[in-house]
Amino acid sequence: MATHTAPAVTALQAQAVANLFLSDHLPDRFTADQAALNPSGDAWHVPVILAYPIIGAVGQVGEILISAAAPEVISSTPFAAMQQAAEGLYATHRDAIEAAFS
């Protein structure tokens, strides 16, 4: 019988690591959402969302994998792909975004 131990990195810590990683590479509209532990328990899946003040999250643009054993990034959606997805979301929600800031 396999025993499951709690990950050394919590969901909140994984989200914080992801946010720091994002702030080093992308503009402030990109943020980490709630982390979910994968079934094997060795990594946190942290969705990356595009969000704006007042209107909140517009949609998911990528994902960052954070180790459950240490606070480090394992992999992420390429930055260019996240930016391209964000441009598409912005185009789709342009009217609501611009109305919130006018």
PDB file of N, CA and C in Angstrom:
ATOM      1  N   MET A   1       0.845  -1.186   0.000  1.00  0.00           N
ATOM      2  CA  MET A   1       0.000   0.000   0.000  1.00  0.00           C
ATOM      3  C   MET A   1       0.881   1.237   0.000  1.00  0.00           C
ATOM      4  N   ALA A   2       0.625   2.148  -0.911  1.00  0.00           N
ATOM      5  CA  ALA A   2       1.414   3.368  -1.006  1.00  0.00           C
ATOM      6  C   ALA A   2       0.968   4.362   0.055  1.00  0.00           C
ATOM      7  N   THR A   3       1.927   5.017   0.639  1.00  0.00           N
ATOM      8  CA  THR A   3       1.601   6.057   1.604  1.00  0.00           C
ATOM      9  C   THR A   3       1.808   7.413   0.955  1.00  0.00           C
ATOM     10  N   HIS A   4       0.911   8.315   1.254  1.00  0.00           N
ATOM     11  CA  HIS A   4       1.003   9.659   0.703  1.00  0.00           C
ATOM     12  C   HIS A   4       1.422  10.600   1.806  1.00  0.00           C
ATOM     13  N   THR A   5       2.460  11.354   1.562  1.00  0.00           N
ATOM     14  CA  THR A   5       2.892  12.352   2.526  1.00  0.00           C
ATOM     15  C   THR A   5       2.525  13.728   1.985  1.00  0.00           C
ATOM     16  N   ALA A   6       2.345  14.638   2.892  1.00  0.00           N
ATOM     17  CA  ALA A   6       2.005  15.997   2.490  1.00  0.00           C
ATOM     18  C   ALA A   6       3.184  16.615   1.742  1.00  0.00           C
ATOM     19  N   PRO A   7       2.902  17.381   0.705  1.00  0.00           N
ATOM     20  CA  PRO A   7       3.996  18.020  -0.027  1.00  0.00           C
ATOM     21  C   PRO A   7       4.716  19.037   0.865  1.00  0.00           C
ATOM     22  N   ALA A   8       6.009  19.215   0.648  1.00  0.00           N
ATOM     23  CA  ALA A   8       6.788  20.187   1.413  1.00  0.00           C
ATOM     24  C   ALA A   8       6.371  21.617   1.069  1.00  0.00           C
ATOM     25  N   VAL A   9       5.912  21.818  -0.168  1.00  0.00           N
ATOM     26  CA  VAL A   9       5.456  23.121  -0.635  1.00  0.00           C
ATOM     27  C   VAL A   9       3.934  23.132  -0.598  1.00  0.00           C
ATOM     28  N   THR A  10       3.356  24.140   0.041  1.00  0.00           N
ATOM     29  CA  THR A  10       1.899  24.241   0.106  1.00  0.00           C
ATOM     30  C   THR A  10       1.351  24.877  -1.172  1.00  0.00           C
ATOM     31  N   ALA A  11       0.045  24.788  -1.344  1.00  0.00           N
ATOM     32  CA  ALA A  11      -0.603  25.395  -2.504  1.00  0.00           C
ATOM     33  C   ALA A  11      -0.359  26.904  -2.530  1.00  0.00           C
ATOM     34  N   LEU A  12      -0.441  27.546  -1.382  1.00  0.00           N
ATOM     35  CA  LEU A  12      -0.223  28.985  -1.303  1.00  0.00           C
ATOM     36  C   LEU A  12       1.224  29.346  -1.650  1.00  0.00           C
ATOM     37  N   GLN A  13       2.168  28.538  -1.182  1.00  0.00           N
ATOM     38  CA  GLN A  13       3.575  28.768  -1.525  1.00  0.00           C
ATOM     39  C   GLN A  13       3.803  28.576  -3.030  1.00  0.00           C
ATOM     40  N   ALA A  14       3.185  27.557  -3.602  1.00  0.00           N
ATOM     41  CA  ALA A  14       3.321  27.315  -5.039  1.00  0.00           C
ATOM     42  C   ALA A  14       2.784  28.498  -5.826  1.00  0.00           C
ATOM     43  N   GLN A  15       1.660  29.035  -5.405  1.00  0.00           N
ATOM     44  CA  GLN A  15       1.078  30.195  -6.074  1.00  0.00           C
ATOM     45  C   GLN A  15       2.010  31.409  -5.939  1.00  0.00           C
ATOM     46  N   ALA A  16       2.625  31.590  -4.782  1.00  0.00           N
ATOM     47  CA  ALA A  16       3.556  32.700  -4.574  1.00  0.00           C
ATOM     48  C   ALA A  16       4.794  32.559  -5.456  1.00  0.00           C
ATOM     49  N   VAL A  17       5.332  31.341  -5.567  1.00  0.00           N
ATOM     50  CA  VAL A  17       6.493  31.096  -6.427  1.00  0.00           C
ATOM     51  C   VAL A  17       6.132  31.408  -7.879  1.00  0.00           C
ATOM     52  N   ALA A  18       4.953  30.989  -8.291  1.00  0.00           N
ATOM     53  CA  ALA A  18       4.501  31.245  -9.654  1.00  0.00           C
ATOM     54  C   ALA A  18       4.344  32.746  -9.903  1.00  0.00           C
ATOM     55  N   ASN A  19       3.792  33.470  -8.939  1.00  0.00           N
ATOM     56  CA  ASN A  19       3.630  34.914  -9.102  1.00  0.00           C
ATOM     57  C   ASN A  19       4.966  35.632  -9.189  1.00  0.00           C
ATOM     58  N   LEU A  20       5.927  35.215  -8.403  1.00  0.00           N
ATOM     59  CA  LEU A  20       7.260  35.816  -8.475  1.00  0.00           C
ATOM     60  C   LEU A  20       7.884  35.550  -9.848  1.00  0.00           C
ATOM     61  N   PHE A  21       7.742  34.329 -10.323  1.00  0.00           N
ATOM     62  CA  PHE A  21       8.246  33.948 -11.644  1.00  0.00           C
ATOM     63  C   PHE A  21       7.596  34.817 -12.726  1.00  0.00           C
ATOM     64  N   LEU A  22       6.285  35.007 -12.629  1.00  0.00           N
ATOM     65  CA  LEU A  22       5.576  35.832 -13.603  1.00  0.00           C
ATOM     66  C   LEU A  22       6.035  37.286 -13.542  1.00  0.00           C
ATOM     67  N   SER A  23       6.200  37.807 -12.338  1.00  0.00           N
ATOM     68  CA  SER A  23       6.588  39.216 -12.204  1.00  0.00           C
ATOM     69  C   SER A  23       7.986  39.476 -12.758  1.00  0.00           C
ATOM     70  N   ASP A  24       8.807  38.460 -12.823  1.00  0.00           N
ATOM     71  CA  ASP A  24      10.144  38.596 -13.396  1.00  0.00           C
ATOM     72  C   ASP A  24      10.131  38.586 -14.925  1.00  0.00           C
ATOM     73  N   HIS A  25       9.036  38.121 -15.534  1.00  0.00           N
ATOM     74  CA  HIS A  25       9.040  37.902 -16.982  1.00  0.00           C
ATOM     75  C   HIS A  25       7.892  38.544 -17.770  1.00  0.00           C
ATOM     76  N   LEU A  26       6.787  38.872 -17.115  1.00  0.00           N
ATOM     77  CA  LEU A  26       5.613  39.373 -17.838  1.00  0.00           C
ATOM     78  C   LEU A  26       5.022  40.596 -17.128  1.00  0.00           C
ATOM     79  N   PRO A  27       4.191  41.372 -17.822  1.00  0.00           N
ATOM     80  CA  PRO A  27       3.547  42.536 -17.196  1.00  0.00           C
ATOM     81  C   PRO A  27       2.612  42.136 -16.051  1.00  0.00           C
ATOM     82  N   ASP A  28       2.179  43.141 -15.304  1.00  0.00           N
ATOM     83  CA  ASP A  28       1.404  42.895 -14.084  1.00  0.00           C
ATOM     84  C   ASP A  28       0.001  42.351 -14.288  1.00  0.00           C
ATOM     85  N   ARG A  29      -0.505  42.288 -15.472  1.00  0.00           N
ATOM     86  CA  ARG A  29      -1.854  41.744 -15.706  1.00  0.00           C
ATOM     87  C   ARG A  29      -1.861  40.212 -15.687  1.00  0.00           C
ATOM     88  N   PHE A  30      -0.693  39.614 -15.695  1.00  0.00           N
ATOM     89  CA  PHE A  30      -0.563  38.156 -15.638  1.00  0.00           C
ATOM     90  C   PHE A  30      -0.389  37.764 -14.175  1.00  0.00           C
ATOM     91  N   THR A  31      -1.220  36.837 -13.708  1.00  0.00           N
ATOM     92  CA  THR A  31      -1.138  36.439 -12.304  1.00  0.00           C
ATOM     93  C   THR A  31      -1.438  34.959 -12.144  1.00  0.00           C
ATOM     94  N   ALA A  32      -0.943  34.404 -11.053  1.00  0.00           N
ATOM     95  CA  ALA A  32      -1.173  32.986 -10.761  1.00  0.00           C
ATOM     96  C   ALA A  32      -2.519  32.814 -10.072  1.00  0.00           C
ATOM     97  N   ASP A  33      -3.233  31.785 -10.461  1.00  0.00           N
ATOM     98  CA  ASP A  33      -4.505  31.442  -9.828  1.00  0.00           C
ATOM     99  C   ASP A  33      -4.237  30.322  -8.809  1.00  0.00           C
ATOM    100  N   GLN A  34      -5.266  29.709  -8.300  1.00  0.00           N
ATOM    101  CA  GLN A  34      -5.125  28.695  -7.255  1.00  0.00           C
ATOM    102  C   GLN A  34      -4.434  27.437  -7.778  1.00  0.00           C
ATOM    103  N   ALA A  35      -3.459  26.969  -7.006  1.00  0.00           N
ATOM    104  CA  ALA A  35      -2.676  25.787  -7.363  1.00  0.00           C
ATOM    105  C   ALA A  35      -3.446  24.508  -7.049  1.00  0.00           C
ATOM    106  N   ALA A  36      -3.224  23.488  -7.876  1.00  0.00           N
ATOM    107  CA  ALA A  36      -3.819  22.167  -7.662  1.00  0.00           C
ATOM    108  C   ALA A  36      -2.709  21.125  -7.757  1.00  0.00           C
ATOM    109  N   LEU A  37      -2.650  20.249  -6.784  1.00  0.00           N
ATOM    110  CA  LEU A  37      -1.633  19.198  -6.760  1.00  0.00           C
ATOM    111  C   LEU A  37      -1.979  18.130  -7.785  1.00  0.00           C
ATOM    112  N   ASN A  38      -0.984  17.700  -8.564  1.00  0.00           N
ATOM    113  CA  ASN A  38      -1.256  16.660  -9.562  1.00  0.00           C
ATOM    114  C   ASN A  38      -1.478  15.321  -8.860  1.00  0.00           C
ATOM    115  N   PRO A  39      -2.074  14.348  -9.538  1.00  0.00           N
ATOM    116  CA  PRO A  39      -2.409  13.071  -8.902  1.00  0.00           C
ATOM    117  C   PRO A  39      -1.214  12.337  -8.280  1.00  0.00           C
ATOM    118  N   SER A  40      -0.047  12.478  -8.864  1.00  0.00           N
ATOM    119  CA  SER A  40       1.124  11.795  -8.297  1.00  0.00           C
ATOM    120  C   SER A  40       1.686  12.528  -7.085  1.00  0.00           C
ATOM    121  N   GLY A  41       1.243  13.759  -6.860  1.00  0.00           N
ATOM    122  CA  GLY A  41       1.658  14.504  -5.680  1.00  0.00           C
ATOM    123  C   GLY A  41       3.042  15.117  -5.765  1.00  0.00           C
ATOM    124  N   ASP A  42       3.637  15.146  -6.954  1.00  0.00           N
ATOM    125  CA  ASP A  42       5.003  15.669  -7.048  1.00  0.00           C
ATOM    126  C   ASP A  42       5.089  17.077  -7.613  1.00  0.00           C
ATOM    127  N   ALA A  43       3.966  17.652  -8.063  1.00  0.00           N
ATOM    128  CA  ALA A  43       3.993  18.997  -8.629  1.00  0.00           C
ATOM    129  C   ALA A  43       2.648  19.691  -8.475  1.00  0.00           C
ATOM    130  N   TRP A  44       2.729  20.990  -8.367  1.00  0.00           N
ATOM    131  CA  TRP A  44       1.541  21.832  -8.335  1.00  0.00           C
ATOM    132  C   TRP A  44       1.309  22.407  -9.723  1.00  0.00           C
ATOM    133  N   HIS A  45       0.089  22.327 -10.195  1.00  0.00           N
ATOM    134  CA  HIS A  45      -0.315  22.959 -11.449  1.00  0.00           C
ATOM    135  C   HIS A  45      -0.915  24.315 -11.069  1.00  0.00           C
ATOM    136  N   VAL A  46      -0.284  25.377 -11.545  1.00  0.00           N
ATOM    137  CA  VAL A  46      -0.739  26.723 -11.221  1.00  0.00           C
ATOM    138  C   VAL A  46      -1.188  27.413 -12.513  1.00  0.00           C
ATOM    139  N   PRO A  47      -2.489  27.634 -12.664  1.00  0.00           N
ATOM    140  CA  PRO A  47      -2.975  28.326 -13.854  1.00  0.00           C
ATOM    141  C   PRO A  47      -2.479  29.776 -13.865  1.00  0.00           C
ATOM    142  N   VAL A  48      -2.168  30.285 -15.038  1.00  0.00           N
ATOM    143  CA  VAL A  48      -1.816  31.694 -15.206  1.00  0.00           C
ATOM    144  C   VAL A  48      -3.013  32.355 -15.866  1.00  0.00           C
ATOM    145  N   ILE A  49      -3.488  33.429 -15.244  1.00  0.00           N
ATOM    146  CA  ILE A  49      -4.660  34.118 -15.771  1.00  0.00           C
ATOM    147  C   ILE A  49      -4.316  35.562 -16.127  1.00  0.00           C
ATOM    148  N   LEU A  50      -5.114  36.107 -17.009  1.00  0.00           N
ATOM    149  CA  LEU A  50      -5.053  37.522 -17.338  1.00  0.00           C
ATOM    150  C   LEU A  50      -6.132  38.187 -16.506  1.00  0.00           C
ATOM    151  N   ALA A  51      -5.762  39.209 -15.736  1.00  0.00           N
ATOM    152  CA  ALA A  51      -6.724  39.856 -14.846  1.00  0.00           C
ATOM    153  C   ALA A  51      -6.542  41.369 -14.880  1.00  0.00           C
ATOM    154  N   TYR A  52      -7.623  42.071 -14.660  1.00  0.00           N
ATOM    155  CA  TYR A  52      -7.626  43.534 -14.630  1.00  0.00           C
ATOM    156  C   TYR A  52      -8.326  44.003 -13.362  1.00  0.00           C
ATOM    157  N   PRO A  53      -7.863  45.137 -12.794  1.00  0.00           N
ATOM    158  CA  PRO A  53      -8.582  45.704 -11.654  1.00  0.00           C
ATOM    159  C   PRO A  53     -10.027  45.991 -12.053  1.00  0.00           C
ATOM    160  N   ILE A  54     -10.891  45.957 -11.142  1.00  0.00           N
ATOM    161  CA  ILE A  54     -12.325  46.208 -11.292  1.00  0.00           C
ATOM    162  C   ILE A  54     -13.043  45.019 -11.931  1.00  0.00           C
ATOM    163  N   ILE A  55     -12.587  44.519 -13.087  1.00  0.00           N
ATOM    164  CA  ILE A  55     -13.315  43.430 -13.747  1.00  0.00           C
ATOM    165  C   ILE A  55     -12.815  42.047 -13.358  1.00  0.00           C
ATOM    166  N   GLY A  56     -11.607  41.937 -12.824  1.00  0.00           N
ATOM    167  CA  GLY A  56     -11.086  40.647 -12.366  1.00  0.00           C
ATOM    168  C   GLY A  56     -10.511  39.801 -13.483  1.00  0.00           C
ATOM    169  N   ALA A  57     -10.591  38.489 -13.299  1.00  0.00           N
ATOM    170  CA  ALA A  57     -10.005  37.540 -14.252  1.00  0.00           C
ATOM    171  C   ALA A  57     -10.760  37.563 -15.570  1.00  0.00           C
ATOM    172  N   VAL A  58      -9.984  37.557 -16.662  1.00  0.00           N
ATOM    173  CA  VAL A  58     -10.562  37.525 -17.998  1.00  0.00           C
ATOM    174  C   VAL A  58     -10.495  36.106 -18.558  1.00  0.00           C
ATOM    175  N   GLY A  59      -9.442  35.361 -18.195  1.00  0.00           N
ATOM    176  CA  GLY A  59      -9.308  33.983 -18.652  1.00  0.00           C
ATOM    177  C   GLY A  59      -7.911  33.445 -18.433  1.00  0.00           C
ATOM    178  N   GLN A  60      -7.765  32.153 -18.633  1.00  0.00           N
ATOM    179  CA  GLN A  60      -6.483  31.481 -18.456  1.00  0.00           C
ATOM    180  C   GLN A  60      -5.640  31.605 -19.724  1.00  0.00           C
ATOM    181  N   VAL A  61      -4.338  31.899 -19.518  1.00  0.00           N
ATOM    182  CA  VAL A  61      -3.426  32.056 -20.648  1.00  0.00           C
ATOM    183  C   VAL A  61      -2.284  31.044 -20.627  1.00  0.00           C
ATOM    184  N   GLY A  62      -2.157  30.293 -19.560  1.00  0.00           N
ATOM    185  CA  GLY A  62      -1.073  29.317 -19.475  1.00  0.00           C
ATOM    186  C   GLY A  62      -1.061  28.611 -18.142  1.00  0.00           C
ATOM    187  N   GLU A  63       0.072  27.955 -17.870  1.00  0.00           N
ATOM    188  CA  GLU A  63       0.217  27.179 -16.639  1.00  0.00           C
ATOM    189  C   GLU A  63       1.692  27.119 -16.253  1.00  0.00           C
ATOM    190  N   ILE A  64       1.922  27.090 -14.949  1.00  0.00           N
ATOM    191  CA  ILE A  64       3.267  26.910 -14.414  1.00  0.00           C
ATOM    192  C   ILE A  64       3.237  25.682 -13.517  1.00  0.00           C
ATOM    193  N   LEU A  65       4.226  24.817 -13.652  1.00  0.00           N
ATOM    194  CA  LEU A  65       4.364  23.663 -12.765  1.00  0.00           C
ATOM    195  C   LEU A  65       5.409  24.000 -11.703  1.00  0.00           C
ATOM    196  N   ILE A  66       5.016  23.818 -10.454  1.00  0.00           N
ATOM    197  CA  ILE A  66       5.899  24.082  -9.320  1.00  0.00           C
ATOM    198  C   ILE A  66       6.139  22.763  -8.599  1.00  0.00           C
ATOM    199  N   SER A  67       7.385  22.505  -8.243  1.00  0.00           N
ATOM    200  CA  SER A  67       7.720  21.287  -7.521  1.00  0.00           C
ATOM    201  C   SER A  67       6.998  21.260  -6.176  1.00  0.00           C
ATOM    202  N   ALA A  68       6.511  20.095  -5.787  1.00  0.00           N
ATOM    203  CA  ALA A  68       5.883  19.943  -4.474  1.00  0.00           C
ATOM    204  C   ALA A  68       6.930  19.712  -3.394  1.00  0.00           C
ATOM    205  N   ALA A  69       8.168  19.406  -3.814  1.00  0.00           N
ATOM    206  CA  ALA A  69       9.244  19.118  -2.862  1.00  0.00           C
ATOM    207  C   ALA A  69      10.071  20.341  -2.496  1.00  0.00           C
ATOM    208  N   ALA A  70      10.141  21.319  -3.400  1.00  0.00           N
ATOM    209  CA  ALA A  70      10.938  22.525  -3.178  1.00  0.00           C
ATOM    210  C   ALA A  70      10.284  23.676  -3.929  1.00  0.00           C
ATOM    211  N   PRO A  71      10.406  24.896  -3.435  1.00  0.00           N
ATOM    212  CA  PRO A  71       9.745  26.025  -4.086  1.00  0.00           C
ATOM    213  C   PRO A  71      10.464  26.458  -5.359  1.00  0.00           C
ATOM    214  N   GLU A  72      10.293  25.652  -6.425  1.00  0.00           N
ATOM    215  CA  GLU A  72      10.962  25.965  -7.685  1.00  0.00           C
ATOM    216  C   GLU A  72      10.073  25.629  -8.872  1.00  0.00           C
ATOM    217  N   VAL A  73      10.276  26.390  -9.937  1.00  0.00           N
ATOM    218  CA  VAL A  73       9.529  26.184 -11.171  1.00  0.00           C
ATOM    219  C   VAL A  73      10.098  24.984 -11.903  1.00  0.00           C
ATOM    220  N   ILE A  74       9.230  24.053 -12.288  1.00  0.00           N
ATOM    221  CA  ILE A  74       9.627  22.894 -13.094  1.00  0.00           C
ATOM    222  C   ILE A  74       9.525  23.242 -14.573  1.00  0.00           C
ATOM    223  N   SER A  75       8.394  23.846 -14.948  1.00  0.00           N
ATOM    224  CA  SER A  75       8.182  24.240 -16.342  1.00  0.00           C
ATOM    225  C   SER A  75       7.046  25.250 -16.394  1.00  0.00           C
ATOM    226  N   SER A  76       6.907  25.861 -17.569  1.00  0.00           N
ATOM    227  CA  SER A  76       5.795  26.792 -17.755  1.00  0.00           C
ATOM    228  C   SER A  76       5.437  26.867 -19.236  1.00  0.00           C
ATOM    229  N   THR A  77       4.248  27.347 -19.484  1.00  0.00           N
ATOM    230  CA  THR A  77       3.854  27.682 -20.842  1.00  0.00           C
ATOM    231  C   THR A  77       4.833  28.765 -21.309  1.00  0.00           C
ATOM    232  N   PRO A  78       5.314  28.694 -22.544  1.00  0.00           N
ATOM    233  CA  PRO A  78       6.235  29.732 -23.020  1.00  0.00           C
ATOM    234  C   PRO A  78       5.618  31.128 -22.900  1.00  0.00           C
ATOM    235  N   PHE A  79       6.449  32.118 -22.566  1.00  0.00           N
ATOM    236  CA  PHE A  79       5.961  33.485 -22.371  1.00  0.00           C
ATOM    237  C   PHE A  79       5.278  34.025 -23.622  1.00  0.00           C
ATOM    238  N   ALA A  80       5.840  33.751 -24.785  1.00  0.00           N
ATOM    239  CA  ALA A  80       5.238  34.231 -26.033  1.00  0.00           C
ATOM    240  C   ALA A  80       3.840  33.659 -26.226  1.00  0.00           C
ATOM    241  N   ALA A  81       3.653  32.400 -25.859  1.00  0.00           N
ATOM    242  CA  ALA A  81       2.330  31.774 -25.983  1.00  0.00           C
ATOM    243  C   ALA A  81       1.341  32.408 -25.003  1.00  0.00           C
ATOM    244  N   MET A  82       1.805  32.726 -23.788  1.00  0.00           N
ATOM    245  CA  MET A  82       0.926  33.377 -22.814  1.00  0.00           C
ATOM    246  C   MET A  82       0.546  34.774 -23.292  1.00  0.00           C
ATOM    247  N   GLN A  83       1.504  35.498 -23.853  1.00  0.00           N
ATOM    248  CA  GLN A  83       1.212  36.834 -24.362  1.00  0.00           C
ATOM    249  C   GLN A  83       0.235  36.780 -25.533  1.00  0.00           C
ATOM    250  N   GLN A  84       0.405  35.804 -26.403  1.00  0.00           N
ATOM    251  CA  GLN A  84      -0.499  35.658 -27.544  1.00  0.00           C
ATOM    252  C   GLN A  84      -1.918  35.322 -27.069  1.00  0.00           C
ATOM    253  N   ALA A  85      -2.023  34.426 -26.095  1.00  0.00           N
ATOM    254  CA  ALA A  85      -3.338  34.082 -25.537  1.00  0.00           C
ATOM    255  C   ALA A  85      -3.970  35.304 -24.875  1.00  0.00           C
ATOM    256  N   ALA A  86      -3.159  36.103 -24.193  1.00  0.00           N
ATOM    257  CA  ALA A  86      -3.658  37.311 -23.534  1.00  0.00           C
ATOM    258  C   ALA A  86      -4.179  38.318 -24.562  1.00  0.00           C
ATOM    259  N   GLU A  87      -3.485  38.452 -25.669  1.00  0.00           N
ATOM    260  CA  GLU A  87      -3.946  39.360 -26.724  1.00  0.00           C
ATOM    261  C   GLU A  87      -5.307  38.922 -27.253  1.00  0.00           C
ATOM    262  N   GLY A  88      -5.498  37.621 -27.417  1.00  0.00           N
ATOM    263  CA  GLY A  88      -6.788  37.110 -27.871  1.00  0.00           C
ATOM    264  C   GLY A  88      -7.894  37.375 -26.867  1.00  0.00           C
ATOM    265  N   LEU A  89      -7.594  37.158 -25.577  1.00  0.00           N
ATOM    266  CA  LEU A  89      -8.589  37.432 -24.532  1.00  0.00           C
ATOM    267  C   LEU A  89      -8.918  38.920 -24.469  1.00  0.00           C
ATOM    268  N   TYR A  90      -7.876  39.744 -24.582  1.00  0.00           N
ATOM    269  CA  TYR A  90      -8.108  41.192 -24.564  1.00  0.00           C
ATOM    270  C   TYR A  90      -9.015  41.602 -25.724  1.00  0.00           C
ATOM    271  N   ALA A  91      -8.737  41.084 -26.909  1.00  0.00           N
ATOM    272  CA  ALA A  91      -9.559  41.419 -28.075  1.00  0.00           C
ATOM    273  C   ALA A  91     -11.013  41.002 -27.866  1.00  0.00           C
ATOM    274  N   THR A  92     -11.204  39.836 -27.279  1.00  0.00           N
ATOM    275  CA  THR A  92     -12.555  39.330 -27.024  1.00  0.00           C
ATOM    276  C   THR A  92     -13.300  40.185 -26.005  1.00  0.00           C
ATOM    277  N   HIS A  93     -12.577  40.682 -24.982  1.00  0.00           N
ATOM    278  CA  HIS A  93     -13.205  41.407 -23.871  1.00  0.00           C
ATOM    279  C   HIS A  93     -12.868  42.899 -23.881  1.00  0.00           C
ATOM    280  N   ARG A  94     -12.398  43.403 -25.015  1.00  0.00           N
ATOM    281  CA  ARG A  94     -11.938  44.794 -25.111  1.00  0.00           C
ATOM    282  C   ARG A  94     -12.962  45.799 -24.607  1.00  0.00           C
ATOM    283  N   ASP A  95     -14.201  45.676 -25.017  1.00  0.00           N
ATOM    284  CA  ASP A  95     -15.216  46.659 -24.622  1.00  0.00           C
ATOM    285  C   ASP A  95     -15.368  46.722 -23.107  1.00  0.00           C
ATOM    286  N   ALA A  96     -15.460  45.587 -22.450  1.00  0.00           N
ATOM    287  CA  ALA A  96     -15.619  45.565 -20.986  1.00  0.00           C
ATOM    288  C   ALA A  96     -14.375  46.102 -20.293  1.00  0.00           C
ATOM    289  N   ILE A  97     -13.203  45.766 -20.796  1.00  0.00           N
ATOM    290  CA  ILE A  97     -11.950  46.238 -20.193  1.00  0.00           C
ATOM    291  C   ILE A  97     -11.830  47.739 -20.333  1.00  0.00           C
ATOM    292  N   GLU A  98     -12.063  48.247 -21.514  1.00  0.00           N
ATOM    293  CA  GLU A  98     -11.938  49.693 -21.738  1.00  0.00           C
ATOM    294  C   GLU A  98     -13.005  50.475 -21.001  1.00  0.00           C
ATOM    295  N   ALA A  99     -14.208  49.920 -20.885  1.00  0.00           N
ATOM    296  CA  ALA A  99     -15.285  50.597 -20.149  1.00  0.00           C
ATOM    297  C   ALA A  99     -14.947  50.710 -18.663  1.00  0.00           C
ATOM    298  N   ALA A 100     -14.241  49.719 -18.128  1.00  0.00           N
ATOM    299  CA  ALA A 100     -13.874  49.737 -16.710  1.00  0.00           C
ATOM    300  C   ALA A 100     -12.875  50.844 -16.388  1.00  0.00           C
ATOM    301  N   PHE A 101     -12.134  51.301 -17.395  1.00  0.00           N
ATOM    302  CA  PHE A 101     -11.108  52.298 -17.157  1.00  0.00           C
ATOM    303  C   PHE A 101     -11.440  53.669 -17.757  1.00  0.00           C
ATOM    304  N   SER A 102     -12.685  53.847 -18.182  1.00  0.00           N
ATOM    305  CA  SER A 102     -13.036  55.161 -18.751  1.00  0.00           C
ATOM    306  C   SER A 102     -13.975  55.917 -17.849  1.00  0.00           C
TER     307      SER A 102
END
